[in-house]
Amino acid sequence: MLKFGFLLAIAALLVGCASGFSKFYQGLPNGASVPGYVNTGESVRIFGTDDFDRGRAELFKQGYVGFGGSSFTAGTSSVDEDELLKQAQKLGAHAVLTRRAYSSTSTGVMPITTPTTSTSYTTANATAYGSRGTVNAFGNATTTTYGSTTNYVPFSVERSSFMAEYFVKVRSRLGVAVRPLNDEERQASRSNNGLRVYAVNQESPAYQADIFAGDIILFLDGNPMGSLEVFQAALLRCEGRSVPIQIRRVDGKVETKQVLVATLSNR
């Protein structure tokens, strides 16, 4: 778990300190709206990572998908993990991937002005002579001088970039995370058609059908998989049906798997 702490003395100078995770959130307003959402009843799990791609893949294997994220820069010691936890609970997230990375250090001086008031006291006496005799007079005087002194206190604030992605547990129609082929992969397969599998949900139809990370999906129910949009549309049409999926293994061998595409109830 992350430990962030507070910098109370100059908290007023920091932007988005405690509210950054909520203030800079972008995504769905609630994780329960994700298709296939599963109400696990578990406490939010927070994972620190330096590699979001690897973290997403690991969570996907366990059945989690992302639905939003927060990204902002603030004083390193001004951000508290409790704020991240509150935001995750507000969104109904089951898991969070988070990273804090040093950004810069801001320095400056803070003026502190204090009053400098001095008071002096004077005592005097005088003797007056006249036709009727001598008169003695006594008196006191008070003089107050007002002023102030300004001292400059140096400070430095270490700033960091904060990122968080929020995930929920889901049932998957197929259970694969895929991406388009890069140029090298297209040349190697001598085709622009296909989507590379980079993670497989271990509780999914794809896992049961022995589809692995690294496989390339060529056809789904006879439809060539040329883009992510085509893939998602094909899955939606195939809900509740057992369909053929043609894949190319990492060794180049082409195989066809028969897979029952699950139906999601909360779409």
C-alpha atoms as a PDB file:
ATOM      1  CA  MET A   1       0.000   0.000   0.000  1.00  0.00           C
ATOM      2  CA  LEU A   2       1.153   3.511  -0.750  1.00  0.00           C
ATOM      3  CA  LYS A   3       2.096   5.964   2.008  1.00  0.00           C
ATOM      4  CA  PHE A   4       1.837   9.613   1.074  1.00  0.00           C
ATOM      5  CA  GLY A   5       1.406  11.799   4.246  1.00  0.00           C
ATOM      6  CA  PHE A   6       0.785  15.551   4.499  1.00  0.00           C
ATOM      7  CA  LEU A   7       2.727  18.787   4.215  1.00  0.00           C
ATOM      8  CA  LEU A   8       0.578  21.029   6.400  1.00  0.00           C
ATOM      9  CA  ALA A   9       2.688  24.167   6.580  1.00  0.00           C
ATOM     10  CA  ILE A  10       2.219  25.157   2.930  1.00  0.00           C
ATOM     11  CA  ALA A  11      -0.830  23.140   1.915  1.00  0.00           C
ATOM     12  CA  ALA A  12      -2.592  26.309   0.764  1.00  0.00           C
ATOM     13  CA  LEU A  13       0.048  26.772  -1.959  1.00  0.00           C
ATOM     14  CA  LEU A  14      -0.529  23.399  -3.603  1.00  0.00           C
ATOM     15  CA  VAL A  15      -2.922  22.794  -6.479  1.00  0.00           C
ATOM     16  CA  GLY A  16      -5.416  19.952  -6.246  1.00  0.00           C
ATOM     17  CA  CYS A  17      -3.792  18.494  -3.144  1.00  0.00           C
ATOM     18  CA  ALA A  18      -6.342  16.280  -1.460  1.00  0.00           C
ATOM     19  CA  SER A  19      -8.990  16.323  -4.216  1.00  0.00           C
ATOM     20  CA  GLY A  20      -6.809  15.465  -7.212  1.00  0.00           C
ATOM     21  CA  PHE A  21      -8.105  11.911  -7.655  1.00  0.00           C
ATOM     22  CA  SER A  22     -11.702  13.141  -7.850  1.00  0.00           C
ATOM     23  CA  LYS A  23     -11.086  16.565  -9.438  1.00  0.00           C
ATOM     24  CA  PHE A  24      -9.151  15.162 -12.384  1.00  0.00           C
ATOM     25  CA  TYR A  25     -11.116  11.930 -12.878  1.00  0.00           C
ATOM     26  CA  GLN A  26     -12.214  10.944 -16.389  1.00  0.00           C
ATOM     27  CA  GLY A  27     -14.314   7.897 -17.144  1.00  0.00           C
ATOM     28  CA  LEU A  28     -17.621   6.264 -16.314  1.00  0.00           C
ATOM     29  CA  PRO A  29     -19.408   7.713 -13.257  1.00  0.00           C
ATOM     30  CA  ASN A  30     -19.847   4.262 -11.737  1.00  0.00           C
ATOM     31  CA  GLY A  31     -18.134   0.919 -12.326  1.00  0.00           C
ATOM     32  CA  ALA A  32     -21.433  -0.935 -11.929  1.00  0.00           C
ATOM     33  CA  SER A  33     -22.408   0.260 -15.431  1.00  0.00           C
ATOM     34  CA  VAL A  34     -19.622  -1.795 -17.065  1.00  0.00           C
ATOM     35  CA  PRO A  35     -21.122  -4.705 -19.093  1.00  0.00           C
ATOM     36  CA  GLY A  36     -20.776  -7.974 -17.196  1.00  0.00           C
ATOM     37  CA  TYR A  37     -20.212  -6.224 -13.832  1.00  0.00           C
ATOM     38  CA  VAL A  38     -19.883  -8.647 -10.915  1.00  0.00           C
ATOM     39  CA  ASN A  39     -20.738  -7.501  -7.393  1.00  0.00           C
ATOM     40  CA  THR A  40     -17.900  -9.116  -5.446  1.00  0.00           C
ATOM     41  CA  GLY A  41     -18.581  -7.516  -2.056  1.00  0.00           C
ATOM     42  CA  GLU A  42     -14.822  -7.223  -1.555  1.00  0.00           C
ATOM     43  CA  SER A  43     -12.840  -4.259  -0.241  1.00  0.00           C
ATOM     44  CA  VAL A  44     -10.988  -2.109  -2.768  1.00  0.00           C
ATOM     45  CA  ARG A  45      -7.534  -3.473  -3.632  1.00  0.00           C
ATOM     46  CA  ILE A  46      -4.815  -0.902  -4.398  1.00  0.00           C
ATOM     47  CA  PHE A  47      -1.739  -1.902  -6.399  1.00  0.00           C
ATOM     48  CA  GLY A  48       1.306   0.283  -7.030  1.00  0.00           C
ATOM     49  CA  THR A  49       2.942  -0.158 -10.432  1.00  0.00           C
ATOM     50  CA  ASP A  50       5.652   1.284 -12.678  1.00  0.00           C
ATOM     51  CA  ASP A  51       4.218  -0.436 -15.764  1.00  0.00           C
ATOM     52  CA  PHE A  52       0.523   0.163 -16.418  1.00  0.00           C
ATOM     53  CA  ASP A  53       0.424  -2.121 -19.465  1.00  0.00           C
ATOM     54  CA  ARG A  54       1.706  -5.060 -17.466  1.00  0.00           C
ATOM     55  CA  GLY A  55      -0.552  -4.181 -14.544  1.00  0.00           C
ATOM     56  CA  ARG A  56      -3.646  -4.023 -16.761  1.00  0.00           C
ATOM     57  CA  ALA A  57      -2.789  -7.402 -18.263  1.00  0.00           C
ATOM     58  CA  GLU A  58      -2.329  -8.991 -14.842  1.00  0.00           C
ATOM     59  CA  LEU A  59      -5.649  -7.617 -13.587  1.00  0.00           C
ATOM     60  CA  PHE A  60      -7.396  -8.719 -16.789  1.00  0.00           C
ATOM     61  CA  LYS A  61      -6.204 -12.275 -16.168  1.00  0.00           C
ATOM     62  CA  GLN A  62      -8.081 -12.118 -12.865  1.00  0.00           C
ATOM     63  CA  GLY A  63     -11.245 -10.812 -14.531  1.00  0.00           C
ATOM     64  CA  TYR A  64     -10.891  -7.045 -14.017  1.00  0.00           C
ATOM     65  CA  VAL A  65     -11.416  -4.338 -16.645  1.00  0.00           C
ATOM     66  CA  GLY A  66     -10.753  -0.618 -16.379  1.00  0.00           C
ATOM     67  CA  PHE A  67     -13.436   2.065 -16.622  1.00  0.00           C
ATOM     68  CA  GLY A  68     -11.689   5.355 -15.765  1.00  0.00           C
ATOM     69  CA  GLY A  69      -8.621   7.105 -14.445  1.00  0.00           C
ATOM     70  CA  SER A  70      -7.151  10.141 -12.668  1.00  0.00           C
ATOM     71  CA  SER A  71      -3.974  12.008 -13.603  1.00  0.00           C
ATOM     72  CA  PHE A  72      -2.557  15.161 -12.023  1.00  0.00           C
ATOM     73  CA  THR A  73       0.539  16.810 -10.560  1.00  0.00           C
ATOM     74  CA  ALA A  74       0.780  17.997  -6.945  1.00  0.00           C
ATOM     75  CA  GLY A  75       3.122  18.290  -3.988  1.00  0.00           C
ATOM     76  CA  THR A  76       4.563  14.860  -3.276  1.00  0.00           C
ATOM     77  CA  SER A  77       3.758  14.922   0.430  1.00  0.00           C
ATOM     78  CA  SER A  78       0.384  16.586   0.011  1.00  0.00           C
ATOM     79  CA  VAL A  79      -1.467  13.600  -1.476  1.00  0.00           C
ATOM     80  CA  ASP A  80      -2.987  11.055   0.857  1.00  0.00           C
ATOM     81  CA  GLU A  81      -3.896   7.473   0.002  1.00  0.00           C
ATOM     82  CA  ASP A  82      -7.191   7.928   1.844  1.00  0.00           C
ATOM     83  CA  GLU A  83      -8.319  10.292  -0.926  1.00  0.00           C
ATOM     84  CA  LEU A  84      -7.553   7.620  -3.520  1.00  0.00           C
ATOM     85  CA  LEU A  85      -9.474   5.042  -1.513  1.00  0.00           C
ATOM     86  CA  LYS A  86     -12.476   7.371  -1.114  1.00  0.00           C
ATOM     87  CA  GLN A  87     -12.553   8.042  -4.853  1.00  0.00           C
ATOM     88  CA  ALA A  88     -12.339   4.321  -5.643  1.00  0.00           C
ATOM     89  CA  GLN A  89     -15.207   3.577  -3.234  1.00  0.00           C
ATOM     90  CA  LYS A  90     -17.269   6.428  -4.667  1.00  0.00           C
ATOM     91  CA  LEU A  91     -16.866   4.953  -8.163  1.00  0.00           C
ATOM     92  CA  GLY A  92     -17.608   1.408  -7.031  1.00  0.00           C
ATOM     93  CA  ALA A  93     -14.166   0.188  -8.093  1.00  0.00           C
ATOM     94  CA  HIS A  94     -12.892  -3.218  -7.013  1.00  0.00           C
ATOM     95  CA  ALA A  95      -9.206  -2.563  -7.751  1.00  0.00           C
ATOM     96  CA  VAL A  96      -6.913   0.387  -8.470  1.00  0.00           C
ATOM     97  CA  LEU A  97      -3.583   0.628 -10.280  1.00  0.00           C
ATOM     98  CA  THR A  98      -1.615   3.662  -9.133  1.00  0.00           C
ATOM     99  CA  ARG A  99       1.746   5.291  -9.698  1.00  0.00           C
ATOM    100  CA  ARG A 100       3.576   8.271  -8.212  1.00  0.00           C
ATOM    101  CA  ALA A 101       6.582   9.671 -10.131  1.00  0.00           C
ATOM    102  CA  TYR A 102       8.822  12.595  -9.171  1.00  0.00           C
ATOM    103  CA  SER A 103       8.229  15.618 -11.404  1.00  0.00           C
ATOM    104  CA  SER A 104      10.086  18.692 -10.085  1.00  0.00           C
ATOM    105  CA  THR A 105      10.963  20.747  -7.024  1.00  0.00           C
ATOM    106  CA  SER A 106       9.571  24.254  -6.549  1.00  0.00           C
ATOM    107  CA  THR A 107      11.455  26.660  -4.292  1.00  0.00           C
ATOM    108  CA  GLY A 108      10.687  30.121  -2.951  1.00  0.00           C
ATOM    109  CA  VAL A 109      10.400  32.276   0.132  1.00  0.00           C
ATOM    110  CA  MET A 110       7.449  32.939   2.385  1.00  0.00           C
ATOM    111  CA  PRO A 111       7.291  36.452   3.976  1.00  0.00           C
ATOM    112  CA  ILE A 112       6.426  36.555   7.672  1.00  0.00           C
ATOM    113  CA  THR A 113       5.752  40.047   9.098  1.00  0.00           C
ATOM    114  CA  THR A 114       5.818  40.632  12.867  1.00  0.00           C
ATOM    115  CA  PRO A 115       5.029  43.884  14.754  1.00  0.00           C
ATOM    116  CA  THR A 116       7.857  45.863  16.392  1.00  0.00           C
ATOM    117  CA  THR A 117       6.244  48.233  18.916  1.00  0.00           C
ATOM    118  CA  SER A 118       8.354  50.166  21.476  1.00  0.00           C
ATOM    119  CA  THR A 119       7.194  52.367  24.353  1.00  0.00           C
ATOM    120  CA  SER A 120       9.303  54.912  26.304  1.00  0.00           C
ATOM    121  CA  TYR A 121       8.450  56.679  29.576  1.00  0.00           C
ATOM    122  CA  THR A 122       9.655  60.190  30.609  1.00  0.00           C
ATOM    123  CA  THR A 123       9.437  61.811  34.064  1.00  0.00           C
ATOM    124  CA  ALA A 124      10.003  65.566  34.524  1.00  0.00           C
ATOM    125  CA  ASN A 125       9.751  68.193  37.310  1.00  0.00           C
ATOM    126  CA  ALA A 126       9.955  71.984  37.327  1.00  0.00           C
ATOM    127  CA  THR A 127      10.082  74.853  39.901  1.00  0.00           C
ATOM    128  CA  ALA A 128       8.377  78.204  39.325  1.00  0.00           C
ATOM    129  CA  TYR A 129       9.126  81.359  41.290  1.00  0.00           C
ATOM    130  CA  GLY A 130       6.673  84.222  41.771  1.00  0.00           C
ATOM    131  CA  SER A 131       5.624  87.041  44.077  1.00  0.00           C
ATOM    132  CA  ARG A 132       3.574  84.674  46.110  1.00  0.00           C
ATOM    133  CA  GLY A 133       6.277  82.087  46.576  1.00  0.00           C
ATOM    134  CA  THR A 134       7.704  78.986  44.917  1.00  0.00           C
ATOM    135  CA  VAL A 135       5.697  76.275  43.091  1.00  0.00           C
ATOM    136  CA  ASN A 136       7.021  72.786  42.289  1.00  0.00           C
ATOM    137  CA  ALA A 137       5.455  70.790  39.338  1.00  0.00           C
ATOM    138  CA  PHE A 138       5.872  67.079  38.479  1.00  0.00           C
ATOM    139  CA  GLY A 139       4.781  65.137  35.260  1.00  0.00           C
ATOM    140  CA  ASN A 140       5.053  61.809  33.361  1.00  0.00           C
ATOM    141  CA  ALA A 141       4.978  61.247  29.548  1.00  0.00           C
ATOM    142  CA  THR A 142       4.553  58.020  27.520  1.00  0.00           C
ATOM    143  CA  THR A 143       5.755  57.720  23.904  1.00  0.00           C
ATOM    144  CA  THR A 144       4.835  54.682  21.701  1.00  0.00           C
ATOM    145  CA  THR A 145       6.524  53.951  18.377  1.00  0.00           C
ATOM    146  CA  TYR A 146       4.783  51.538  15.957  1.00  0.00           C
ATOM    147  CA  GLY A 147       6.522  49.455  13.263  1.00  0.00           C
ATOM    148  CA  SER A 148       7.003  46.002  11.787  1.00  0.00           C
ATOM    149  CA  THR A 149       9.732  43.624  10.632  1.00  0.00           C
ATOM    150  CA  THR A 150       9.461  41.226   7.677  1.00  0.00           C
ATOM    151  CA  ASN A 151      11.489  38.015   7.591  1.00  0.00           C
ATOM    152  CA  TYR A 152      11.674  35.705   4.577  1.00  0.00           C
ATOM    153  CA  VAL A 153      11.528  31.967   5.260  1.00  0.00           C
ATOM    154  CA  PRO A 154      12.777  29.738   2.399  1.00  0.00           C
ATOM    155  CA  PHE A 155      10.803  26.636   1.418  1.00  0.00           C
ATOM    156  CA  SER A 156      10.931  23.881  -1.192  1.00  0.00           C
ATOM    157  CA  VAL A 157       8.083  21.691  -2.423  1.00  0.00           C
ATOM    158  CA  GLU A 158       8.769  18.425  -4.213  1.00  0.00           C
ATOM    159  CA  ARG A 159       6.117  17.812  -6.857  1.00  0.00           C
ATOM    160  CA  SER A 160       5.133  14.476  -8.375  1.00  0.00           C
ATOM    161  CA  SER A 161       2.774  13.215 -11.049  1.00  0.00           C
ATOM    162  CA  PHE A 162       0.028  10.916  -9.784  1.00  0.00           C
ATOM    163  CA  MET A 163      -1.873   8.395 -11.886  1.00  0.00           C
ATOM    164  CA  ALA A 164      -4.641   5.986 -10.943  1.00  0.00           C
ATOM    165  CA  GLU A 165      -6.795   3.620 -13.000  1.00  0.00           C
ATOM    166  CA  TYR A 166      -9.963   2.062 -11.600  1.00  0.00           C
ATOM    167  CA  PHE A 167     -11.157  -1.494 -12.314  1.00  0.00           C
ATOM    168  CA  VAL A 168     -14.170  -3.717 -11.657  1.00  0.00           C
ATOM    169  CA  LYS A 169     -14.616  -7.478 -11.807  1.00  0.00           C
ATOM    170  CA  VAL A 170     -16.645  -8.617 -14.825  1.00  0.00           C
ATOM    171  CA  ARG A 171     -17.913 -11.631 -16.696  1.00  0.00           C
ATOM    172  CA  SER A 172     -16.536 -11.560 -20.236  1.00  0.00           C
ATOM    173  CA  ARG A 173     -18.230 -12.532 -23.467  1.00  0.00           C
ATOM    174  CA  LEU A 174     -14.990 -14.101 -24.679  1.00  0.00           C
ATOM    175  CA  GLY A 175     -12.330 -13.107 -22.142  1.00  0.00           C
ATOM    176  CA  VAL A 176      -9.443 -11.857 -24.257  1.00  0.00           C
ATOM    177  CA  ALA A 177      -7.685  -8.506 -24.296  1.00  0.00           C
ATOM    178  CA  VAL A 178      -6.535  -7.775 -27.843  1.00  0.00           C
ATOM    179  CA  ARG A 179      -4.689  -5.085 -29.777  1.00  0.00           C
ATOM    180  CA  PRO A 180      -4.121  -4.336 -33.477  1.00  0.00           C
ATOM    181  CA  LEU A 181      -1.058  -5.834 -35.118  1.00  0.00           C
ATOM    182  CA  ASN A 182       1.995  -3.633 -35.479  1.00  0.00           C
ATOM    183  CA  ASP A 183       3.876  -3.300 -38.776  1.00  0.00           C
ATOM    184  CA  GLU A 184       6.399  -5.987 -37.884  1.00  0.00           C
ATOM    185  CA  GLU A 185       3.664  -8.478 -36.987  1.00  0.00           C
ATOM    186  CA  ARG A 186       1.774  -7.762 -40.229  1.00  0.00           C
ATOM    187  CA  GLN A 187       4.892  -8.379 -42.253  1.00  0.00           C
ATOM    188  CA  ALA A 188       5.667 -11.590 -40.362  1.00  0.00           C
ATOM    189  CA  SER A 189       2.153 -12.957 -40.928  1.00  0.00           C
ATOM    190  CA  ARG A 190       1.933 -11.491 -44.449  1.00  0.00           C
ATOM    191  CA  SER A 191      -1.506 -10.153 -43.654  1.00  0.00           C
ATOM    192  CA  ASN A 192      -3.117  -6.928 -42.374  1.00  0.00           C
ATOM    193  CA  ASN A 193      -5.849  -9.018 -40.811  1.00  0.00           C
ATOM    194  CA  GLY A 194      -5.771 -10.089 -37.168  1.00  0.00           C
ATOM    195  CA  LEU A 195      -5.740  -8.978 -33.555  1.00  0.00           C
ATOM    196  CA  ARG A 196      -2.996  -9.972 -31.106  1.00  0.00           C
ATOM    197  CA  VAL A 197      -4.135 -11.447 -27.778  1.00  0.00           C
ATOM    198  CA  TYR A 198      -2.084  -9.964 -24.906  1.00  0.00           C
ATOM    199  CA  ALA A 199      -4.070 -11.290 -21.922  1.00  0.00           C
ATOM    200  CA  VAL A 200      -6.664 -13.986 -21.225  1.00  0.00           C
ATOM    201  CA  ASN A 201      -9.194 -13.921 -18.388  1.00  0.00           C
ATOM    202  CA  GLN A 202      -8.656 -17.127 -16.405  1.00  0.00           C
ATOM    203  CA  GLU A 203     -12.413 -17.486 -15.797  1.00  0.00           C
ATOM    204  CA  SER A 204     -13.522 -17.025 -19.400  1.00  0.00           C
ATOM    205  CA  PRO A 205     -14.657 -19.015 -22.471  1.00  0.00           C
ATOM    206  CA  ALA A 206     -11.351 -18.223 -24.206  1.00  0.00           C
ATOM    207  CA  TYR A 207      -9.366 -19.695 -21.317  1.00  0.00           C
ATOM    208  CA  GLN A 208     -11.471 -22.869 -21.406  1.00  0.00           C
ATOM    209  CA  ALA A 209     -10.887 -23.104 -25.161  1.00  0.00           C
ATOM    210  CA  ASP A 210      -7.090 -22.900 -24.699  1.00  0.00           C
ATOM    211  CA  ILE A 211      -6.607 -19.544 -26.376  1.00  0.00           C
ATOM    212  CA  PHE A 212      -3.307 -18.061 -25.160  1.00  0.00           C
ATOM    213  CA  ALA A 213      -1.610 -14.706 -24.875  1.00  0.00           C
ATOM    214  CA  GLY A 214       0.402 -14.244 -28.074  1.00  0.00           C
ATOM    215  CA  ASP A 215      -2.196 -15.878 -30.338  1.00  0.00           C
ATOM    216  CA  ILE A 216      -3.565 -13.838 -33.251  1.00  0.00           C
ATOM    217  CA  ILE A 217      -7.333 -13.963 -33.807  1.00  0.00           C
ATOM    218  CA  LEU A 218      -7.894 -14.087 -37.573  1.00  0.00           C
ATOM    219  CA  PHE A 219     -11.626 -14.789 -37.879  1.00  0.00           C
ATOM    220  CA  LEU A 220     -14.560 -14.775 -35.470  1.00  0.00           C
ATOM    221  CA  ASP A 221     -17.676 -16.580 -36.715  1.00  0.00           C
ATOM    222  CA  GLY A 222     -16.339 -16.231 -40.254  1.00  0.00           C
ATOM    223  CA  ASN A 223     -15.686 -12.485 -39.979  1.00  0.00           C
ATOM    224  CA  PRO A 224     -12.121 -11.200 -40.505  1.00  0.00           C
ATOM    225  CA  MET A 225     -10.831  -9.311 -37.464  1.00  0.00           C
ATOM    226  CA  GLY A 226      -9.371  -6.159 -38.980  1.00  0.00           C
ATOM    227  CA  SER A 227     -10.009  -3.759 -36.067  1.00  0.00           C
ATOM    228  CA  LEU A 228     -11.085  -3.541 -32.445  1.00  0.00           C
ATOM    229  CA  GLU A 229     -14.452  -2.104 -33.500  1.00  0.00           C
ATOM    230  CA  VAL A 230     -15.136  -5.072 -35.778  1.00  0.00           C
ATOM    231  CA  PHE A 231     -14.130  -7.458 -32.974  1.00  0.00           C
ATOM    232  CA  GLN A 232     -16.478  -5.865 -30.405  1.00  0.00           C
ATOM    233  CA  ALA A 233     -19.389  -5.785 -32.868  1.00  0.00           C
ATOM    234  CA  ALA A 234     -18.844  -9.453 -33.736  1.00  0.00           C
ATOM    235  CA  LEU A 235     -18.822 -10.473 -30.062  1.00  0.00           C
ATOM    236  CA  LEU A 236     -22.095  -8.643 -29.512  1.00  0.00           C
ATOM    237  CA  ARG A 237     -23.738 -10.474 -32.428  1.00  0.00           C
ATOM    238  CA  CYS A 238     -22.431 -13.829 -31.221  1.00  0.00           C
ATOM    239  CA  GLU A 239     -23.697 -13.614 -27.633  1.00  0.00           C
ATOM    240  CA  GLY A 240     -25.125 -16.898 -26.407  1.00  0.00           C
ATOM    241  CA  ARG A 241     -23.869 -18.872 -29.425  1.00  0.00           C
ATOM    242  CA  SER A 242     -21.054 -21.353 -29.953  1.00  0.00           C
ATOM    243  CA  VAL A 243     -18.970 -19.952 -32.811  1.00  0.00           C
ATOM    244  CA  PRO A 244     -15.704 -20.856 -34.592  1.00  0.00           C
ATOM    245  CA  ILE A 245     -12.646 -18.701 -33.884  1.00  0.00           C
ATOM    246  CA  GLN A 246      -9.658 -19.061 -36.162  1.00  0.00           C
ATOM    247  CA  ILE A 247      -6.305 -18.231 -34.547  1.00  0.00           C
ATOM    248  CA  ARG A 248      -2.653 -18.261 -35.523  1.00  0.00           C
ATOM    249  CA  ARG A 249      -0.308 -19.578 -32.845  1.00  0.00           C
ATOM    250  CA  VAL A 250       3.092 -18.008 -32.114  1.00  0.00           C
ATOM    251  CA  ASP A 251       4.704 -20.874 -34.061  1.00  0.00           C
ATOM    252  CA  GLY A 252       2.666 -19.922 -37.147  1.00  0.00           C
ATOM    253  CA  LYS A 253       0.228 -22.833 -36.957  1.00  0.00           C
ATOM    254  CA  VAL A 254      -3.402 -21.913 -37.735  1.00  0.00           C
ATOM    255  CA  GLU A 255      -6.117 -23.555 -35.597  1.00  0.00           C
ATOM    256  CA  THR A 256      -9.887 -23.202 -35.253  1.00  0.00           C
ATOM    257  CA  LYS A 257     -11.533 -23.255 -31.829  1.00  0.00           C
ATOM    258  CA  GLN A 258     -15.242 -23.612 -31.106  1.00  0.00           C
ATOM    259  CA  VAL A 259     -16.133 -21.195 -28.304  1.00  0.00           C
ATOM    260  CA  LEU A 260     -19.433 -20.394 -26.554  1.00  0.00           C
ATOM    261  CA  VAL A 261     -19.667 -16.613 -26.354  1.00  0.00           C
ATOM    262  CA  ALA A 262     -21.213 -15.625 -23.023  1.00  0.00           C
ATOM    263  CA  THR A 263     -24.276 -13.408 -22.695  1.00  0.00           C
ATOM    264  CA  LEU A 264     -23.912 -10.353 -20.463  1.00  0.00           C
ATOM    265  CA  SER A 265     -27.050  -9.419 -18.569  1.00  0.00           C
ATOM    266  CA  ASN A 266     -26.376  -5.734 -17.690  1.00  0.00           C
ATOM    267  CA  ARG A 267     -25.487  -4.206 -21.073  1.00  0.00           C
END
